[in-house]
Amino acid sequence: MISLDKTLGDMKEEIGYTGEKKSRVFIPEEDMELFKGCRDYLLPRRSFYESIAKQVDSKDYLFGSVVQDVLHNAIERGNNFSRELPFLVEIYSGERGRILSVEDCGDGFNPSEVIHKMNSGEKYFKYQGRGMKLLSSTDKEVSWNEKGNIIYIMSKDQK
């Protein structure tokens, strides 16, 4: 579920953020054991994206696909497959859930415009736009920063 009007602050409040945060900057060139691919193409390894997914929502087995796509987009679209450019993964924990934040070094994009095009059936990305469709169908709340280079995915604990 995409919530363009929610900020990271709003999400932190909603999950009862306790101040616990795990952060890690990944640089593909230095963390090659986490990636697979050839000279010009990188993908996160399954064990890498699934470990992140389990830290955010250990009960949702399909969430790994969402995390895989988010990491892949940070590497491919945001950082243009650069092995030298970093991307930041943060997990915020609260009393009622967790937030996954992924930031790349790219110029970002306009999520409102893309979602409008997607919902009206227009071509909204140069490529397939599979990730946006996947994000809009998840039960997690998804939002971006104003620049469009940081994605926030909130998973609330089930009552």
C-alpha atoms as a PDB file:
ATOM      1  CA  MET A   1       0.000   0.000   0.000  1.00  0.00           C
ATOM      2  CA  ILE A   2       1.538   3.295  -1.081  1.00  0.00           C
ATOM      3  CA  SER A   3       1.119   6.263   1.280  1.00  0.00           C
ATOM      4  CA  LEU A   4       2.752   9.275  -0.353  1.00  0.00           C
ATOM      5  CA  ASP A   5       1.703  11.642   2.401  1.00  0.00           C
ATOM      6  CA  LYS A   6       3.543   9.778   5.186  1.00  0.00           C
ATOM      7  CA  THR A   7       6.974  10.883   6.280  1.00  0.00           C
ATOM      8  CA  LEU A   8       9.563   8.824   8.110  1.00  0.00           C
ATOM      9  CA  GLY A   9       8.613  10.773  11.237  1.00  0.00           C
ATOM     10  CA  ASP A  10       4.943   9.807  10.827  1.00  0.00           C
ATOM     11  CA  MET A  11       5.898   6.160  10.403  1.00  0.00           C
ATOM     12  CA  LYS A  12       8.203   6.205  13.436  1.00  0.00           C
ATOM     13  CA  GLU A  13       5.362   7.576  15.530  1.00  0.00           C
ATOM     14  CA  GLU A  14       2.981   4.920  14.214  1.00  0.00           C
ATOM     15  CA  ILE A  15       5.265   2.021  15.160  1.00  0.00           C
ATOM     16  CA  GLY A  16       6.195   3.528  18.536  1.00  0.00           C
ATOM     17  CA  TYR A  17       9.859   3.969  17.564  1.00  0.00           C
ATOM     18  CA  THR A  18      12.043   3.155  20.549  1.00  0.00           C
ATOM     19  CA  GLY A  19      15.301   4.611  19.283  1.00  0.00           C
ATOM     20  CA  GLU A  20      16.635   1.233  18.156  1.00  0.00           C
ATOM     21  CA  LYS A  21      18.088   1.453  14.680  1.00  0.00           C
ATOM     22  CA  LYS A  22      20.348  -0.834  12.680  1.00  0.00           C
ATOM     23  CA  SER A  23      22.267   0.944   9.937  1.00  0.00           C
ATOM     24  CA  ARG A  24      24.722  -0.324   7.404  1.00  0.00           C
ATOM     25  CA  VAL A  25      26.242   1.254   4.348  1.00  0.00           C
ATOM     26  CA  PHE A  26      26.875  -1.266   1.603  1.00  0.00           C
ATOM     27  CA  ILE A  27      29.412  -0.711  -1.153  1.00  0.00           C
ATOM     28  CA  PRO A  28      29.201  -3.513  -3.711  1.00  0.00           C
ATOM     29  CA  GLU A  29      32.930  -3.392  -4.481  1.00  0.00           C
ATOM     30  CA  GLU A  30      33.708  -4.011  -0.794  1.00  0.00           C
ATOM     31  CA  ASP A  31      30.788  -6.360  -0.052  1.00  0.00           C
ATOM     32  CA  MET A  32      30.898  -8.617  -3.115  1.00  0.00           C
ATOM     33  CA  GLU A  33      29.951 -11.697  -1.094  1.00  0.00           C
ATOM     34  CA  LEU A  34      26.459 -10.162  -0.792  1.00  0.00           C
ATOM     35  CA  PHE A  35      26.015  -9.741  -4.539  1.00  0.00           C
ATOM     36  CA  LYS A  36      26.071 -11.854  -7.640  1.00  0.00           C
ATOM     37  CA  GLY A  37      26.555 -10.891 -11.236  1.00  0.00           C
ATOM     38  CA  CYS A  38      29.031 -10.292 -13.952  1.00  0.00           C
ATOM     39  CA  ARG A  39      31.258  -7.321 -14.724  1.00  0.00           C
ATOM     40  CA  ASP A  40      28.489  -4.809 -15.461  1.00  0.00           C
ATOM     41  CA  TYR A  41      25.511  -6.273 -13.650  1.00  0.00           C
ATOM     42  CA  LEU A  42      24.872  -6.782  -9.939  1.00  0.00           C
ATOM     43  CA  LEU A  43      22.037  -8.383  -8.019  1.00  0.00           C
ATOM     44  CA  PRO A  44      21.694  -8.840  -4.275  1.00  0.00           C
ATOM     45  CA  ARG A  45      22.148 -12.464  -3.222  1.00  0.00           C
ATOM     46  CA  ARG A  46      19.098 -14.242  -1.853  1.00  0.00           C
ATOM     47  CA  SER A  47      20.616 -14.698   1.603  1.00  0.00           C
ATOM     48  CA  PHE A  48      21.311 -10.943   1.761  1.00  0.00           C
ATOM     49  CA  TYR A  49      17.836  -9.656   0.904  1.00  0.00           C
ATOM     50  CA  GLU A  50      16.061 -12.408   2.838  1.00  0.00           C
ATOM     51  CA  SER A  51      18.030 -11.609   6.011  1.00  0.00           C
ATOM     52  CA  ILE A  52      16.913  -7.981   5.734  1.00  0.00           C
ATOM     53  CA  ALA A  53      13.311  -9.014   5.049  1.00  0.00           C
ATOM     54  CA  LYS A  54      13.258 -11.288   8.126  1.00  0.00           C
ATOM     55  CA  GLN A  55      14.500  -8.457  10.355  1.00  0.00           C
ATOM     56  CA  VAL A  56      11.563  -6.323   9.228  1.00  0.00           C
ATOM     57  CA  ASP A  57       8.830  -8.985   9.074  1.00  0.00           C
ATOM     58  CA  SER A  58       9.752 -12.545   9.972  1.00  0.00           C
ATOM     59  CA  LYS A  59       6.248 -13.882   9.247  1.00  0.00           C
ATOM     60  CA  ASP A  60       5.788 -12.575   5.693  1.00  0.00           C
ATOM     61  CA  TYR A  61       7.639 -14.956   3.409  1.00  0.00           C
ATOM     62  CA  LEU A  62       6.781 -12.969   0.281  1.00  0.00           C
ATOM     63  CA  PHE A  63       8.338  -9.786   1.667  1.00  0.00           C
ATOM     64  CA  GLY A  64      11.748 -11.023   0.496  1.00  0.00           C
ATOM     65  CA  SER A  65      10.665 -10.326  -3.088  1.00  0.00           C
ATOM     66  CA  VAL A  66       9.840  -6.731  -2.187  1.00  0.00           C
ATOM     67  CA  VAL A  67      13.205  -6.238  -0.465  1.00  0.00           C
ATOM     68  CA  GLN A  68      15.019  -7.854  -3.390  1.00  0.00           C
ATOM     69  CA  ASP A  69      13.382  -5.440  -5.802  1.00  0.00           C
ATOM     70  CA  VAL A  70      14.052  -2.398  -3.608  1.00  0.00           C
ATOM     71  CA  LEU A  71      17.751  -3.282  -3.256  1.00  0.00           C
ATOM     72  CA  HIS A  72      18.026  -4.056  -6.962  1.00  0.00           C
ATOM     73  CA  ASN A  73      16.463  -0.681  -7.843  1.00  0.00           C
ATOM     74  CA  ALA A  74      18.894   1.121  -5.515  1.00  0.00           C
ATOM     75  CA  ILE A  75      21.818  -0.583  -7.246  1.00  0.00           C
ATOM     76  CA  GLU A  76      20.512  -0.386 -10.813  1.00  0.00           C
ATOM     77  CA  ARG A  77      18.397   2.751 -11.089  1.00  0.00           C
ATOM     78  CA  GLY A  78      19.785   4.852  -8.242  1.00  0.00           C
ATOM     79  CA  ASN A  79      23.471   4.010  -8.418  1.00  0.00           C
ATOM     80  CA  ASN A  80      23.590   3.015 -12.090  1.00  0.00           C
ATOM     81  CA  PHE A  81      25.207  -0.359 -11.281  1.00  0.00           C
ATOM     82  CA  SER A  82      28.262   1.400  -9.847  1.00  0.00           C
ATOM     83  CA  ARG A  83      30.298  -0.904  -7.669  1.00  0.00           C
ATOM     84  CA  GLU A  84      31.830   2.098  -5.910  1.00  0.00           C
ATOM     85  CA  LEU A  85      28.663   4.002  -4.953  1.00  0.00           C
ATOM     86  CA  PRO A  86      27.218   3.145  -1.551  1.00  0.00           C
ATOM     87  CA  PHE A  87      23.639   2.585  -0.542  1.00  0.00           C
ATOM     88  CA  LEU A  88      22.324   2.776   3.005  1.00  0.00           C
ATOM     89  CA  VAL A  89      19.999   0.242   4.617  1.00  0.00           C
ATOM     90  CA  GLU A  90      18.385   1.154   7.935  1.00  0.00           C
ATOM     91  CA  ILE A  91      15.869  -0.725  10.053  1.00  0.00           C
ATOM     92  CA  TYR A  92      13.977   1.234  12.703  1.00  0.00           C
ATOM     93  CA  SER A  93      12.342  -0.833  15.444  1.00  0.00           C
ATOM     94  CA  GLY A  94       9.373   0.144  17.544  1.00  0.00           C
ATOM     95  CA  GLU A  95       6.891  -1.321  19.974  1.00  0.00           C
ATOM     96  CA  ARG A  96       4.363  -1.884  17.166  1.00  0.00           C
ATOM     97  CA  GLY A  97       6.516  -2.615  14.113  1.00  0.00           C
ATOM     98  CA  ARG A  98       9.570  -1.855  12.017  1.00  0.00           C
ATOM     99  CA  ILE A  99      10.559   0.404   9.125  1.00  0.00           C
ATOM    100  CA  LEU A 100      12.981  -0.490   6.364  1.00  0.00           C
ATOM    101  CA  SER A 101      14.725   2.486   4.763  1.00  0.00           C
ATOM    102  CA  VAL A 102      16.929   2.161   1.658  1.00  0.00           C
ATOM    103  CA  GLU A 103      18.797   5.182   0.308  1.00  0.00           C
ATOM    104  CA  ASP A 104      20.812   5.337  -2.901  1.00  0.00           C
ATOM    105  CA  CYS A 105      23.047   8.037  -4.421  1.00  0.00           C
ATOM    106  CA  GLY A 106      20.775   8.739  -7.386  1.00  0.00           C
ATOM    107  CA  ASP A 107      18.827  11.805  -8.421  1.00  0.00           C
ATOM    108  CA  GLY A 108      15.584  10.207  -7.273  1.00  0.00           C
ATOM    109  CA  PHE A 109      12.219  10.367  -9.040  1.00  0.00           C
ATOM    110  CA  ASN A 110       8.769  11.830  -8.523  1.00  0.00           C
ATOM    111  CA  PRO A 111       6.721   9.028  -6.876  1.00  0.00           C
ATOM    112  CA  SER A 112       3.407  10.942  -7.198  1.00  0.00           C
ATOM    113  CA  GLU A 113       3.844  11.295 -10.948  1.00  0.00           C
ATOM    114  CA  VAL A 114       4.838   7.662 -11.397  1.00  0.00           C
ATOM    115  CA  ILE A 115       1.923   6.360  -9.334  1.00  0.00           C
ATOM    116  CA  HIS A 116      -0.527   8.585 -11.216  1.00  0.00           C
ATOM    117  CA  LYS A 117       0.747   7.208 -14.537  1.00  0.00           C
ATOM    118  CA  MET A 118       0.658   3.639 -13.239  1.00  0.00           C
ATOM    119  CA  ASN A 119      -2.932   4.003 -11.986  1.00  0.00           C
ATOM    120  CA  SER A 120      -4.096   5.562 -15.260  1.00  0.00           C
ATOM    121  CA  GLY A 121      -2.504   2.850 -17.399  1.00  0.00           C
ATOM    122  CA  GLU A 122       0.209   5.075 -18.900  1.00  0.00           C
ATOM    123  CA  LYS A 123       3.761   3.876 -19.371  1.00  0.00           C
ATOM    124  CA  TYR A 124       5.430   5.144 -16.232  1.00  0.00           C
ATOM    125  CA  PHE A 125       8.974   3.796 -16.386  1.00  0.00           C
ATOM    126  CA  LYS A 126      11.500   3.209 -19.097  1.00  0.00           C
ATOM    127  CA  TYR A 127      11.471  -0.454 -18.050  1.00  0.00           C
ATOM    128  CA  GLN A 128       8.664  -2.662 -16.791  1.00  0.00           C
ATOM    129  CA  GLY A 129       7.919  -0.966 -13.464  1.00  0.00           C
ATOM    130  CA  ARG A 130       7.535  -4.358 -11.787  1.00  0.00           C
ATOM    131  CA  GLY A 131       8.757  -2.978  -8.474  1.00  0.00           C
ATOM    132  CA  MET A 132       6.119  -0.262  -8.287  1.00  0.00           C
ATOM    133  CA  LYS A 133       3.377  -2.813  -8.968  1.00  0.00           C
ATOM    134  CA  LEU A 134       4.831  -5.081  -6.300  1.00  0.00           C
ATOM    135  CA  LEU A 135       5.008  -2.212  -3.792  1.00  0.00           C
ATOM    136  CA  SER A 136       1.434  -1.143  -4.464  1.00  0.00           C
ATOM    137  CA  SER A 137       0.157  -4.670  -3.845  1.00  0.00           C
ATOM    138  CA  THR A 138       1.950  -5.300  -0.540  1.00  0.00           C
ATOM    139  CA  ASP A 139       0.232  -4.933   2.821  1.00  0.00           C
ATOM    140  CA  LYS A 140       3.190  -2.844   4.031  1.00  0.00           C
ATOM    141  CA  GLU A 141       2.950   0.943   3.903  1.00  0.00           C
ATOM    142  CA  VAL A 142       5.393   2.465   1.438  1.00  0.00           C
ATOM    143  CA  SER A 143       6.544   6.044   1.068  1.00  0.00           C
ATOM    144  CA  TRP A 144       9.534   8.024  -0.214  1.00  0.00           C
ATOM    145  CA  ASN A 145      11.419  11.128   0.784  1.00  0.00           C
ATOM    146  CA  GLU A 146      10.760  14.307  -1.203  1.00  0.00           C
ATOM    147  CA  LYS A 147      13.716  13.736  -3.534  1.00  0.00           C
ATOM    148  CA  GLY A 148      12.619  10.170  -4.303  1.00  0.00           C
ATOM    149  CA  ASN A 149      15.942   8.454  -3.528  1.00  0.00           C
ATOM    150  CA  ILE A 150      14.964   7.020  -0.131  1.00  0.00           C
ATOM    151  CA  ILE A 151      12.176   4.486   0.212  1.00  0.00           C
ATOM    152  CA  TYR A 152      10.480   3.715   3.530  1.00  0.00           C
ATOM    153  CA  ILE A 153       8.565   0.483   4.044  1.00  0.00           C
ATOM    154  CA  MET A 154       6.631   0.111   7.295  1.00  0.00           C
ATOM    155  CA  SER A 155       5.600  -3.264   8.675  1.00  0.00           C
ATOM    156  CA  LYS A 156       3.220  -3.125  11.626  1.00  0.00           C
ATOM    157  CA  ASP A 157       2.934  -6.021  14.049  1.00  0.00           C
ATOM    158  CA  GLN A 158      -0.287  -7.983  13.824  1.00  0.00           C
ATOM    159  CA  LYS A 159      -2.582  -7.570  16.831  1.00  0.00           C
END
